[in-house]
């Protein structure tokens, strides 16, 4: 069964630390949110953003936002995100592949 999404406004955001606090629309205590809860968002959050999230407990027993998304912000295509995050590794792998093909061609033609 899917958990219900809760709506709230991002009350504070510390960009340099990658976390902030959401003020739930239904009242109650502010809830912690880490940037890792916003996987796939096409931009970073800013104070005032409307955030939809689920609640979970961290290892210390405190509540935190998980599986969150920013209202009106596109979700990045996973393939594009993977390519962007791994450009250097992909470039090295492609270089190795080109060298391997060149060596194989040289051995075959020799």
PDB file of N, CA and C in Angstrom:
ATOM      1  N   UNK A   1       0.829  -1.177   0.000  1.00  0.00           N
ATOM      2  CA  UNK A   1       0.000   0.000   0.000  1.00  0.00           C
ATOM      3  C   UNK A   1       0.875   1.242   0.000  1.00  0.00           C
ATOM      4  N   UNK A   2       0.603   2.196  -0.863  1.00  0.00           N
ATOM      5  CA  UNK A   2       1.414   3.397  -0.987  1.00  0.00           C
ATOM      6  C   UNK A   2       1.145   4.347   0.172  1.00  0.00           C
ATOM      7  N   UNK A   3       2.214   4.963   0.653  1.00  0.00           N
ATOM      8  CA  UNK A   3       2.076   5.956   1.711  1.00  0.00           C
ATOM      9  C   UNK A   3       1.504   7.240   1.135  1.00  0.00           C
ATOM     10  N   UNK A   4       0.755   7.945   1.955  1.00  0.00           N
ATOM     11  CA  UNK A   4       0.174   9.214   1.556  1.00  0.00           C
ATOM     12  C   UNK A   4       1.256  10.290   1.478  1.00  0.00           C
ATOM     13  N   UNK A   5       1.162  11.145   0.475  1.00  0.00           N
ATOM     14  CA  UNK A   5       2.075  12.267   0.345  1.00  0.00           C
ATOM     15  C   UNK A   5       1.542  13.427   1.181  1.00  0.00           C
ATOM     16  N   UNK A   6       2.431  14.080   1.894  1.00  0.00           N
ATOM     17  CA  UNK A   6       2.098  15.230   2.720  1.00  0.00           C
ATOM     18  C   UNK A   6       2.601  16.472   1.997  1.00  0.00           C
ATOM     19  N   UNK A   7       1.851  17.564   2.119  1.00  0.00           N
ATOM     20  CA  UNK A   7       2.213  18.817   1.457  1.00  0.00           C
ATOM     21  C   UNK A   7       2.709  19.800   2.503  1.00  0.00           C
ATOM     22  N   UNK A   8       3.758  20.525   2.158  1.00  0.00           N
ATOM     23  CA  UNK A   8       4.278  21.550   3.060  1.00  0.00           C
ATOM     24  C   UNK A   8       5.113  22.552   2.293  1.00  0.00           C
ATOM     25  N   UNK A   9       5.498  23.613   2.985  1.00  0.00           N
ATOM     26  CA  UNK A   9       6.333  24.654   2.372  1.00  0.00           C
ATOM     27  C   UNK A   9       7.739  24.575   2.962  1.00  0.00           C
ATOM     28  N   UNK A  10       8.727  24.723   2.095  1.00  0.00           N
ATOM     29  CA  UNK A  10      10.111  24.707   2.556  1.00  0.00           C
ATOM     30  C   UNK A  10      10.369  26.003   3.321  1.00  0.00           C
ATOM     31  N   UNK A  11      10.525  25.873   4.623  1.00  0.00           N
ATOM     32  CA  UNK A  11      10.647  27.024   5.517  1.00  0.00           C
ATOM     33  C   UNK A  11      12.074  27.571   5.531  1.00  0.00           C
ATOM     34  N   UNK A  12      13.041  26.658   5.605  1.00  0.00           N
ATOM     35  CA  UNK A  12      14.453  27.054   5.582  1.00  0.00           C
ATOM     36  C   UNK A  12      15.221  26.090   4.696  1.00  0.00           C
ATOM     37  N   UNK A  13      16.302  26.584   4.096  1.00  0.00           N
ATOM     38  CA  UNK A  13      17.166  25.727   3.286  1.00  0.00           C
ATOM     39  C   UNK A  13      18.598  26.211   3.403  1.00  0.00           C
ATOM     40  N   UNK A  14      19.492  25.322   3.791  1.00  0.00           N
ATOM     41  CA  UNK A  14      20.918  25.615   3.882  1.00  0.00           C
ATOM     42  C   UNK A  14      21.598  24.951   2.683  1.00  0.00           C
ATOM     43  N   UNK A  15      21.773  25.718   1.624  1.00  0.00           N
ATOM     44  CA  UNK A  15      22.329  25.190   0.375  1.00  0.00           C
ATOM     45  C   UNK A  15      23.704  24.574   0.593  1.00  0.00           C
ATOM     46  N   UNK A  16      24.535  25.220   1.393  1.00  0.00           N
ATOM     47  CA  UNK A  16      25.891  24.723   1.615  1.00  0.00           C
ATOM     48  C   UNK A  16      25.925  23.398   2.381  1.00  0.00           C
ATOM     49  N   UNK A  17      24.855  23.089   3.108  1.00  0.00           N
ATOM     50  CA  UNK A  17      24.784  21.856   3.882  1.00  0.00           C
ATOM     51  C   UNK A  17      23.846  20.824   3.263  1.00  0.00           C
ATOM     52  N   UNK A  18      22.984  21.270   2.321  1.00  0.00           N
ATOM     53  CA  UNK A  18      22.091  20.341   1.631  1.00  0.00           C
ATOM     54  C   UNK A  18      20.909  19.863   2.455  1.00  0.00           C
ATOM     55  N   UNK A  19      20.424  20.699   3.372  1.00  0.00           N
ATOM     56  CA  UNK A  19      19.250  20.317   4.135  1.00  0.00           C
ATOM     57  C   UNK A  19      18.454  21.539   4.553  1.00  0.00           C
ATOM     58  N   UNK A  20      17.239  21.275   5.029  1.00  0.00           N
ATOM     59  CA  UNK A  20      16.381  22.341   5.511  1.00  0.00           C
ATOM     60  C   UNK A  20      15.211  21.763   6.283  1.00  0.00           C
ATOM     61  N   UNK A  21      14.179  22.596   6.462  1.00  0.00           N
ATOM     62  CA  UNK A  21      13.003  22.175   7.202  1.00  0.00           C
ATOM     63  C   UNK A  21      11.739  22.582   6.463  1.00  0.00           C
ATOM     64  N   UNK A  22      10.761  21.669   6.484  1.00  0.00           N
ATOM     65  CA  UNK A  22       9.468  21.876   5.840  1.00  0.00           C
ATOM     66  C   UNK A  22       8.446  22.181   6.934  1.00  0.00           C
ATOM     67  N   UNK A  23       7.604  23.170   6.663  1.00  0.00           N
ATOM     68  CA  UNK A  23       6.470  23.464   7.536  1.00  0.00           C
ATOM     69  C   UNK A  23       5.249  22.775   6.938  1.00  0.00           C
ATOM     70  N   UNK A  24       4.739  21.715   7.569  1.00  0.00           N
ATOM     71  CA  UNK A  24       3.601  20.979   7.005  1.00  0.00           C
ATOM     72  C   UNK A  24       2.347  21.852   6.906  1.00  0.00           C
ATOM     73  N   UNK A  25       1.609  21.725   5.827  1.00  0.00           N
ATOM     74  CA  UNK A  25       0.367  22.481   5.641  1.00  0.00           C
ATOM     75  C   UNK A  25      -0.668  22.158   6.727  1.00  0.00           C
ATOM     76  N   UNK A  26      -0.641  20.913   7.212  1.00  0.00           N
ATOM     77  CA  UNK A  26      -1.639  20.505   8.203  1.00  0.00           C
ATOM     78  C   UNK A  26      -1.222  20.848   9.627  1.00  0.00           C
ATOM     79  N   UNK A  27      -0.173  21.642   9.776  1.00  0.00           N
ATOM     80  CA  UNK A  27       0.312  22.031  11.100  1.00  0.00           C
ATOM     81  C   UNK A  27       1.272  21.015  11.670  1.00  0.00           C
ATOM     82  N   UNK A  28       1.624  21.206  12.902  1.00  0.00           N
ATOM     83  CA  UNK A  28       2.569  20.293  13.539  1.00  0.00           C
ATOM     84  C   UNK A  28       3.986  20.813  13.438  1.00  0.00           C
ATOM     85  N   UNK A  29       4.900  20.004  13.922  1.00  0.00           N
ATOM     86  CA  UNK A  29       6.308  20.388  13.966  1.00  0.00           C
ATOM     87  C   UNK A  29       6.910  20.402  12.562  1.00  0.00           C
ATOM     88  N   UNK A  30       7.875  21.296  12.376  1.00  0.00           N
ATOM     89  CA  UNK A  30       8.635  21.305  11.125  1.00  0.00           C
ATOM     90  C   UNK A  30       9.347  19.973  10.979  1.00  0.00           C
ATOM     91  N   UNK A  31       9.546  19.561   9.733  1.00  0.00           N
ATOM     92  CA  UNK A  31      10.185  18.274   9.470  1.00  0.00           C
ATOM     93  C   UNK A  31      11.472  18.472   8.675  1.00  0.00           C
ATOM     94  N   UNK A  32      12.485  17.741   9.063  1.00  0.00           N
ATOM     95  CA  UNK A  32      13.799  17.791   8.423  1.00  0.00           C
ATOM     96  C   UNK A  32      13.720  17.204   7.018  1.00  0.00           C
ATOM     97  N   UNK A  33      14.434  17.837   6.080  1.00  0.00           N
ATOM     98  CA  UNK A  33      14.565  17.266   4.729  1.00  0.00           C
ATOM     99  C   UNK A  33      16.014  17.407   4.279  1.00  0.00           C
ATOM    100  N   UNK A  34      16.552  16.326   3.757  1.00  0.00           N
ATOM    101  CA  UNK A  34      17.913  16.311   3.191  1.00  0.00           C
ATOM    102  C   UNK A  34      17.792  16.274   1.676  1.00  0.00           C
ATOM    103  N   UNK A  35      18.778  16.798   0.991  1.00  0.00           N
ATOM    104  CA  UNK A  35      18.755  16.837  -0.479  1.00  0.00           C
ATOM    105  C   UNK A  35      18.570  15.447  -1.076  1.00  0.00           C
ATOM    106  N   UNK A  36      19.018  14.408  -0.378  1.00  0.00           N
ATOM    107  CA  UNK A  36      18.882  13.046  -0.902  1.00  0.00           C
ATOM    108  C   UNK A  36      17.422  12.600  -0.994  1.00  0.00           C
ATOM    109  N   UNK A  37      16.519  13.286  -0.296  1.00  0.00           N
ATOM    110  CA  UNK A  37      15.095  12.958  -0.373  1.00  0.00           C
ATOM    111  C   UNK A  37      14.469  13.481  -1.659  1.00  0.00           C
ATOM    112  N   UNK A  38      15.193  14.357  -2.372  1.00  0.00           N
ATOM    113  CA  UNK A  38      14.679  15.000  -3.590  1.00  0.00           C
ATOM    114  C   UNK A  38      15.364  14.451  -4.830  1.00  0.00           C
ATOM    115  N   UNK A  39      15.515  13.151  -4.908  1.00  0.00           N
ATOM    116  CA  UNK A  39      16.192  12.512  -6.043  1.00  0.00           C
ATOM    117  C   UNK A  39      15.487  12.817  -7.356  1.00  0.00           C
ATOM    118  N   UNK A  40      16.267  13.149  -8.365  1.00  0.00           N
ATOM    119  CA  UNK A  40      15.727  13.323  -9.706  1.00  0.00           C
ATOM    120  C   UNK A  40      15.162  14.700 -10.016  1.00  0.00           C
ATOM    121  N   UNK A  41      15.182  15.609  -9.062  1.00  0.00           N
ATOM    122  CA  UNK A  41      14.648  16.947  -9.335  1.00  0.00           C
ATOM    123  C   UNK A  41      15.576  17.681 -10.306  1.00  0.00           C
ATOM    124  N   UNK A  42      14.988  18.457 -11.205  1.00  0.00           N
ATOM    125  CA  UNK A  42      15.786  19.158 -12.211  1.00  0.00           C
ATOM    126  C   UNK A  42      16.433  20.428 -11.666  1.00  0.00           C
ATOM    127  N   UNK A  43      16.094  20.799 -10.430  1.00  0.00           N
ATOM    128  CA  UNK A  43      16.772  21.922  -9.783  1.00  0.00           C
ATOM    129  C   UNK A  43      16.787  21.707  -8.277  1.00  0.00           C
ATOM    130  N   UNK A  44      17.640  22.472  -7.612  1.00  0.00           N
ATOM    131  CA  UNK A  44      17.735  22.415  -6.159  1.00  0.00           C
ATOM    132  C   UNK A  44      16.556  23.177  -5.544  1.00  0.00           C
ATOM    133  N   UNK A  45      16.180  22.838  -4.324  1.00  0.00           N
ATOM    134  CA  UNK A  45      15.067  23.538  -3.683  1.00  0.00           C
ATOM    135  C   UNK A  45      15.464  24.936  -3.221  1.00  0.00           C
ATOM    136  N   UNK A  46      14.463  25.799  -3.073  1.00  0.00           N
ATOM    137  CA  UNK A  46      14.657  27.143  -2.526  1.00  0.00           C
ATOM    138  C   UNK A  46      13.561  27.391  -1.490  1.00  0.00           C
ATOM    139  N   UNK A  47      13.859  28.243  -0.533  1.00  0.00           N
ATOM    140  CA  UNK A  47      12.888  28.585   0.503  1.00  0.00           C
ATOM    141  C   UNK A  47      11.585  29.039  -0.150  1.00  0.00           C
ATOM    142  N   UNK A  48      10.476  28.513   0.361  1.00  0.00           N
ATOM    143  CA  UNK A  48       9.158  28.838  -0.168  1.00  0.00           C
ATOM    144  C   UNK A  48       8.599  27.794  -1.117  1.00  0.00           C
ATOM    145  N   UNK A  49       9.439  26.893  -1.628  1.00  0.00           N
ATOM    146  CA  UNK A  49       8.953  25.825  -2.510  1.00  0.00           C
ATOM    147  C   UNK A  49       7.899  24.985  -1.792  1.00  0.00           C
ATOM    148  N   UNK A  50       6.901  24.529  -2.551  1.00  0.00           N
ATOM    149  CA  UNK A  50       5.930  23.576  -2.032  1.00  0.00           C
ATOM    150  C   UNK A  50       6.519  22.187  -2.257  1.00  0.00           C
ATOM    151  N   UNK A  51       6.607  21.430  -1.172  1.00  0.00           N
ATOM    152  CA  UNK A  51       7.228  20.102  -1.206  1.00  0.00           C
ATOM    153  C   UNK A  51       6.173  19.059  -0.850  1.00  0.00           C
ATOM    154  N   UNK A  52       6.117  17.993  -1.638  1.00  0.00           N
ATOM    155  CA  UNK A  52       5.306  16.822  -1.310  1.00  0.00           C
ATOM    156  C   UNK A  52       6.274  15.751  -0.835  1.00  0.00           C
ATOM    157  N   UNK A  53       5.943  15.089   0.266  1.00  0.00           N
ATOM    158  CA  UNK A  53       6.880  14.139   0.860  1.00  0.00           C
ATOM    159  C   UNK A  53       6.144  13.082   1.676  1.00  0.00           C
ATOM    160  N   UNK A  54       6.886  12.047   2.018  1.00  0.00           N
ATOM    161  CA  UNK A  54       6.435  11.031   2.955  1.00  0.00           C
ATOM    162  C   UNK A  54       7.317  11.145   4.189  1.00  0.00           C
ATOM    163  N   UNK A  55       6.887  10.578   5.284  1.00  0.00           N
ATOM    164  CA  UNK A  55       7.626  10.679   6.540  1.00  0.00           C
ATOM    165  C   UNK A  55       8.201   9.317   6.919  1.00  0.00           C
ATOM    166  N   UNK A  56       9.426   9.341   7.416  1.00  0.00           N
ATOM    167  CA  UNK A  56      10.088   8.143   7.931  1.00  0.00           C
ATOM    168  C   UNK A  56      10.912   8.553   9.146  1.00  0.00           C
ATOM    169  N   UNK A  57      11.328   7.566   9.916  1.00  0.00           N
ATOM    170  CA  UNK A  57      12.214   7.840  11.055  1.00  0.00           C
ATOM    171  C   UNK A  57      13.649   7.574  10.640  1.00  0.00           C
ATOM    172  N   UNK A  58      14.562   8.448  11.099  1.00  0.00           N
ATOM    173  CA  UNK A  58      15.978   8.199  10.856  1.00  0.00           C
ATOM    174  C   UNK A  58      16.502   7.231  11.905  1.00  0.00           C
ATOM    175  N   UNK A  59      17.795   6.931  11.865  1.00  0.00           N
ATOM    176  CA  UNK A  59      18.384   5.965  12.800  1.00  0.00           C
ATOM    177  C   UNK A  59      18.294   6.416  14.253  1.00  0.00           C
ATOM    178  N   UNK A  60      18.193   7.723  14.457  1.00  0.00           N
ATOM    179  CA  UNK A  60      18.084   8.253  15.812  1.00  0.00           C
ATOM    180  C   UNK A  60      16.650   8.361  16.308  1.00  0.00           C
ATOM    181  N   UNK A  61      15.691   7.929  15.496  1.00  0.00           N
ATOM    182  CA  UNK A  61      14.299   7.972  15.900  1.00  0.00           C
ATOM    183  C   UNK A  61      13.585   9.277  15.589  1.00  0.00           C
ATOM    184  N   UNK A  62      14.273  10.200  14.917  1.00  0.00           N
ATOM    185  CA  UNK A  62      13.663  11.481  14.556  1.00  0.00           C
ATOM    186  C   UNK A  62      12.973  11.353  13.200  1.00  0.00           C
ATOM    187  N   UNK A  63      11.927  12.144  13.001  1.00  0.00           N
ATOM    188  CA  UNK A  63      11.199  12.105  11.738  1.00  0.00           C
ATOM    189  C   UNK A  63      11.924  12.923  10.678  1.00  0.00           C
ATOM    190  N   UNK A  64      11.816  12.449   9.435  1.00  0.00           N
ATOM    191  CA  UNK A  64      12.423  13.152   8.297  1.00  0.00           C
ATOM    192  C   UNK A  64      11.552  12.943   7.075  1.00  0.00           C
ATOM    193  N   UNK A  65      11.720  13.831   6.104  1.00  0.00           N
ATOM    194  CA  UNK A  65      11.013  13.704   4.831  1.00  0.00           C
ATOM    195  C   UNK A  65      11.776  12.744   3.928  1.00  0.00           C
ATOM    196  N   UNK A  66      11.026  11.896   3.217  1.00  0.00           N
ATOM    197  CA  UNK A  66      11.608  10.968   2.241  1.00  0.00           C
ATOM    198  C   UNK A  66      10.739  10.985   0.985  1.00  0.00           C
ATOM    199  N   UNK A  67      11.263  10.453  -0.108  1.00  0.00           N
ATOM    200  CA  UNK A  67      10.513  10.345  -1.371  1.00  0.00           C
ATOM    201  C   UNK A  67       9.825  11.665  -1.726  1.00  0.00           C
ATOM    202  N   UNK A  68      10.574  12.739  -1.642  1.00  0.00           N
ATOM    203  CA  UNK A  68      10.008  14.077  -1.812  1.00  0.00           C
ATOM    204  C   UNK A  68      10.149  14.579  -3.243  1.00  0.00           C
ATOM    205  N   UNK A  69       9.273  15.516  -3.598  1.00  0.00           N
ATOM    206  CA  UNK A  69       9.417  16.230  -4.864  1.00  0.00           C
ATOM    207  C   UNK A  69       8.888  17.649  -4.702  1.00  0.00           C
ATOM    208  N   UNK A  70       9.403  18.530  -5.543  1.00  0.00           N
ATOM    209  CA  UNK A  70       9.043  19.941  -5.502  1.00  0.00           C
ATOM    210  C   UNK A  70       7.893  20.171  -6.477  1.00  0.00           C
ATOM    211  N   UNK A  71       6.823  20.799  -5.995  1.00  0.00           N
ATOM    212  CA  UNK A  71       5.667  21.068  -6.848  1.00  0.00           C
ATOM    213  C   UNK A  71       6.079  21.918  -8.052  1.00  0.00           C
ATOM    214  N   UNK A  72       5.670  21.468  -9.239  1.00  0.00           N
ATOM    215  CA  UNK A  72       5.927  22.223 -10.465  1.00  0.00           C
ATOM    216  C   UNK A  72       7.321  22.094 -11.045  1.00  0.00           C
ATOM    217  N   UNK A  73       8.165  21.267 -10.438  1.00  0.00           N
ATOM    218  CA  UNK A  73       9.535  21.091 -10.925  1.00  0.00           C
ATOM    219  C   UNK A  73       9.634  19.733 -11.610  1.00  0.00           C
ATOM    220  N   UNK A  74      10.184  19.738 -12.816  1.00  0.00           N
ATOM    221  CA  UNK A  74      10.295  18.504 -13.599  1.00  0.00           C
ATOM    222  C   UNK A  74      11.232  17.511 -12.933  1.00  0.00           C
ATOM    223  N   UNK A  75      10.904  16.251 -13.122  1.00  0.00           N
ATOM    224  CA  UNK A  75      11.779  15.177 -12.668  1.00  0.00           C
ATOM    225  C   UNK A  75      12.701  14.833 -13.818  1.00  0.00           C
ATOM    226  N   UNK A  76      13.985  14.822 -13.513  1.00  0.00           N
ATOM    227  CA  UNK A  76      15.017  14.533 -14.501  1.00  0.00           C
ATOM    228  C   UNK A  76      14.878  13.105 -15.003  1.00  0.00           C
ATOM    229  N   UNK A  77      15.105  12.890 -16.294  1.00  0.00           N
ATOM    230  CA  UNK A  77      15.136  11.547 -16.866  1.00  0.00           C
ATOM    231  C   UNK A  77      16.306  10.801 -16.232  1.00  0.00           C
ATOM    232  N   UNK A  78      16.046   9.614 -15.677  1.00  0.00           N
ATOM    233  CA  UNK A  78      17.096   8.856 -14.994  1.00  0.00           C
ATOM    234  C   UNK A  78      18.307   8.603 -15.882  1.00  0.00           C
ATOM    235  N   UNK A  79      18.071   8.337 -17.158  1.00  0.00           N
ATOM    236  CA  UNK A  79      19.191   8.077 -18.061  1.00  0.00           C
ATOM    237  C   UNK A  79      20.043   9.326 -18.215  1.00  0.00           C
ATOM    238  N   UNK A  80      19.411  10.476 -18.358  1.00  0.00           N
ATOM    239  CA  UNK A  80      20.152  11.730 -18.483  1.00  0.00           C
ATOM    240  C   UNK A  80      20.916  12.007 -17.202  1.00  0.00           C
ATOM    241  N   UNK A  81      20.290  11.747 -16.062  1.00  0.00           N
ATOM    242  CA  UNK A  81      20.950  11.944 -14.779  1.00  0.00           C
ATOM    243  C   UNK A  81      22.154  11.037 -14.623  1.00  0.00           C
ATOM    244  N   UNK A  82      22.031   9.789 -15.037  1.00  0.00           N
ATOM    245  CA  UNK A  82      23.137   8.846 -14.965  1.00  0.00           C
ATOM    246  C   UNK A  82      24.295   9.315 -15.843  1.00  0.00           C
ATOM    247  N   UNK A  83      23.989   9.717 -17.057  1.00  0.00           N
ATOM    248  CA  UNK A  83      25.042  10.174 -17.970  1.00  0.00           C
ATOM    249  C   UNK A  83      25.726  11.423 -17.435  1.00  0.00           C
ATOM    250  N   UNK A  84      24.954  12.351 -16.912  1.00  0.00           N
ATOM    251  CA  UNK A  84      25.523  13.583 -16.365  1.00  0.00           C
ATOM    252  C   UNK A  84      26.438  13.286 -15.182  1.00  0.00           C
ATOM    253  N   UNK A  85      26.004  12.404 -14.302  1.00  0.00           N
ATOM    254  CA  UNK A  85      26.762  12.099 -13.098  1.00  0.00           C
ATOM    255  C   UNK A  85      28.011  11.269 -13.390  1.00  0.00           C
ATOM    256  N   UNK A  86      28.046  10.584 -14.510  1.00  0.00           N
ATOM    257  CA  UNK A  86      29.150   9.660 -14.799  1.00  0.00           C
ATOM    258  C   UNK A  86      29.903  10.014 -16.078  1.00  0.00           C
ATOM    259  N   UNK A  87      29.936  11.277 -16.458  1.00  0.00           N
ATOM    260  CA  UNK A  87      30.596  11.690 -17.700  1.00  0.00           C
ATOM    261  C   UNK A  87      32.062  11.266 -17.751  1.00  0.00           C
ATOM    262  N   UNK A  88      32.795  11.505 -16.690  1.00  0.00           N
ATOM    263  CA  UNK A  88      34.231  11.201 -16.680  1.00  0.00           C
ATOM    264  C   UNK A  88      34.461   9.694 -16.830  1.00  0.00           C
ATOM    265  N   UNK A  89      33.708   8.884 -16.116  1.00  0.00           N
ATOM    266  CA  UNK A  89      33.854   7.423 -16.198  1.00  0.00           C
ATOM    267  C   UNK A  89      33.521   6.943 -17.605  1.00  0.00           C
ATOM    268  N   UNK A  90      32.442   7.480 -18.179  1.00  0.00           N
ATOM    269  CA  UNK A  90      32.060   7.084 -19.538  1.00  0.00           C
ATOM    270  C   UNK A  90      33.115   7.504 -20.559  1.00  0.00           C
ATOM    271  N   UNK A  91      33.715   8.682 -20.384  1.00  0.00           N
ATOM    272  CA  UNK A  91      34.754   9.145 -21.305  1.00  0.00           C
ATOM    273  C   UNK A  91      35.983   8.236 -21.236  1.00  0.00           C
ATOM    274  N   UNK A  92      36.386   7.848 -20.042  1.00  0.00           N
ATOM    275  CA  UNK A  92      37.540   6.945 -19.877  1.00  0.00           C
ATOM    276  C   UNK A  92      37.227   5.580 -20.488  1.00  0.00           C
ATOM    277  N   UNK A  93      36.020   5.068 -20.230  1.00  0.00           N
ATOM    278  CA  UNK A  93      35.640   3.768 -20.791  1.00  0.00           C
ATOM    279  C   UNK A  93      35.638   3.806 -22.314  1.00  0.00           C
ATOM    280  N   UNK A  94      35.132   4.894 -22.885  1.00  0.00           N
ATOM    281  CA  UNK A  94      35.127   5.031 -24.343  1.00  0.00           C
ATOM    282  C   UNK A  94      36.552   5.095 -24.878  1.00  0.00           C
ATOM    283  N   UNK A  95      37.424   5.816 -24.199  1.00  0.00           N
ATOM    284  CA  UNK A  95      38.831   5.895 -24.611  1.00  0.00           C
ATOM    285  C   UNK A  95      39.500   4.541 -24.596  1.00  0.00           C
ATOM    286  N   UNK A  96      39.251   3.764 -23.547  1.00  0.00           N
ATOM    287  CA  UNK A  96      39.824   2.415 -23.449  1.00  0.00           C
ATOM    288  C   UNK A  96      39.296   1.535 -24.575  1.00  0.00           C
ATOM    289  N   UNK A  97      38.014   1.659 -24.867  1.00  0.00           N
ATOM    290  CA  UNK A  97      37.415   0.867 -25.944  1.00  0.00           C
ATOM    291  C   UNK A  97      38.039   1.220 -27.290  1.00  0.00           C
ATOM    292  N   UNK A  98      38.252   2.496 -27.556  1.00  0.00           N
ATOM    293  CA  UNK A  98      38.868   2.929 -28.819  1.00  0.00           C
ATOM    294  C   UNK A  98      40.281   2.371 -28.932  1.00  0.00           C
ATOM    295  N   UNK A  99      41.051   2.441 -27.859  1.00  0.00           N
ATOM    296  CA  UNK A  99      42.424   1.906 -27.875  1.00  0.00           C
ATOM    297  C   UNK A  99      42.396   0.395 -28.099  1.00  0.00           C
ATOM    298  N   UNK A 100      41.481  -0.302 -27.437  1.00  0.00           N
ATOM    299  CA  UNK A 100      41.396  -1.758 -27.592  1.00  0.00           C
ATOM    300  C   UNK A 100      41.052  -2.142 -29.025  1.00  0.00           C
ATOM    301  N   UNK A 101      40.129  -1.412 -29.645  1.00  0.00           N
ATOM    302  CA  UNK A 101      39.766  -1.691 -31.035  1.00  0.00           C
ATOM    303  C   UNK A 101      40.957  -1.407 -31.947  1.00  0.00           C
ATOM    304  N   UNK A 102      41.687  -0.320 -31.698  1.00  0.00           N
ATOM    305  CA  UNK A 102      42.850   0.017 -32.513  1.00  0.00           C
ATOM    306  C   UNK A 102      43.932  -1.064 -32.404  1.00  0.00           C
ATOM    307  N   UNK A 103      44.176  -1.541 -31.195  1.00  0.00           N
ATOM    308  CA  UNK A 103      45.186  -2.587 -30.979  1.00  0.00           C
ATOM    309  C   UNK A 103      44.740  -3.881 -31.659  1.00  0.00           C
ATOM    310  N   UNK A 104      43.471  -4.235 -31.520  1.00  0.00           N
ATOM    311  CA  UNK A 104      42.964  -5.454 -32.149  1.00  0.00           C
ATOM    312  C   UNK A 104      43.072  -5.345 -33.670  1.00  0.00           C
ATOM    313  N   UNK A 105      42.765  -4.187 -34.213  1.00  0.00           N
ATOM    314  CA  UNK A 105      42.864  -3.993 -35.660  1.00  0.00           C
ATOM    315  C   UNK A 105      44.316  -4.098 -36.114  1.00  0.00           C
ATOM    316  N   UNK A 106      45.235  -3.519 -35.351  1.00  0.00           N
ATOM    317  CA  UNK A 106      46.652  -3.585 -35.699  1.00  0.00           C
ATOM    318  C   UNK A 106      47.165  -5.029 -35.674  1.00  0.00           C
ATOM    319  N   UNK A 107      46.757  -5.802 -34.686  1.00  0.00           N
ATOM    320  CA  UNK A 107      47.188  -7.204 -34.577  1.00  0.00           C
ATOM    321  C   UNK A 107      46.580  -8.017 -35.721  1.00  0.00           C
ATOM    322  N   UNK A 108      45.317  -7.769 -36.033  1.00  0.00           N
ATOM    323  CA  UNK A 108      44.627  -8.501 -37.092  1.00  0.00           C
ATOM    324  C   UNK A 108      45.230  -8.199 -38.461  1.00  0.00           C
ATOM    325  N   UNK A 109      45.605  -6.949 -38.701  1.00  0.00           N
ATOM    326  CA  UNK A 109      46.131  -6.543 -39.996  1.00  0.00           C
ATOM    327  C   UNK A 109      47.621  -6.856 -40.159  1.00  0.00           C
ATOM    328  N   UNK A 110      48.288  -7.162 -39.058  1.00  0.00           N
ATOM    329  CA  UNK A 110      49.742  -7.420 -39.119  1.00  0.00           C
ATOM    330  C   UNK A 110      50.079  -8.772 -39.703  1.00  0.00           C
TER     331      UNK A 110
END
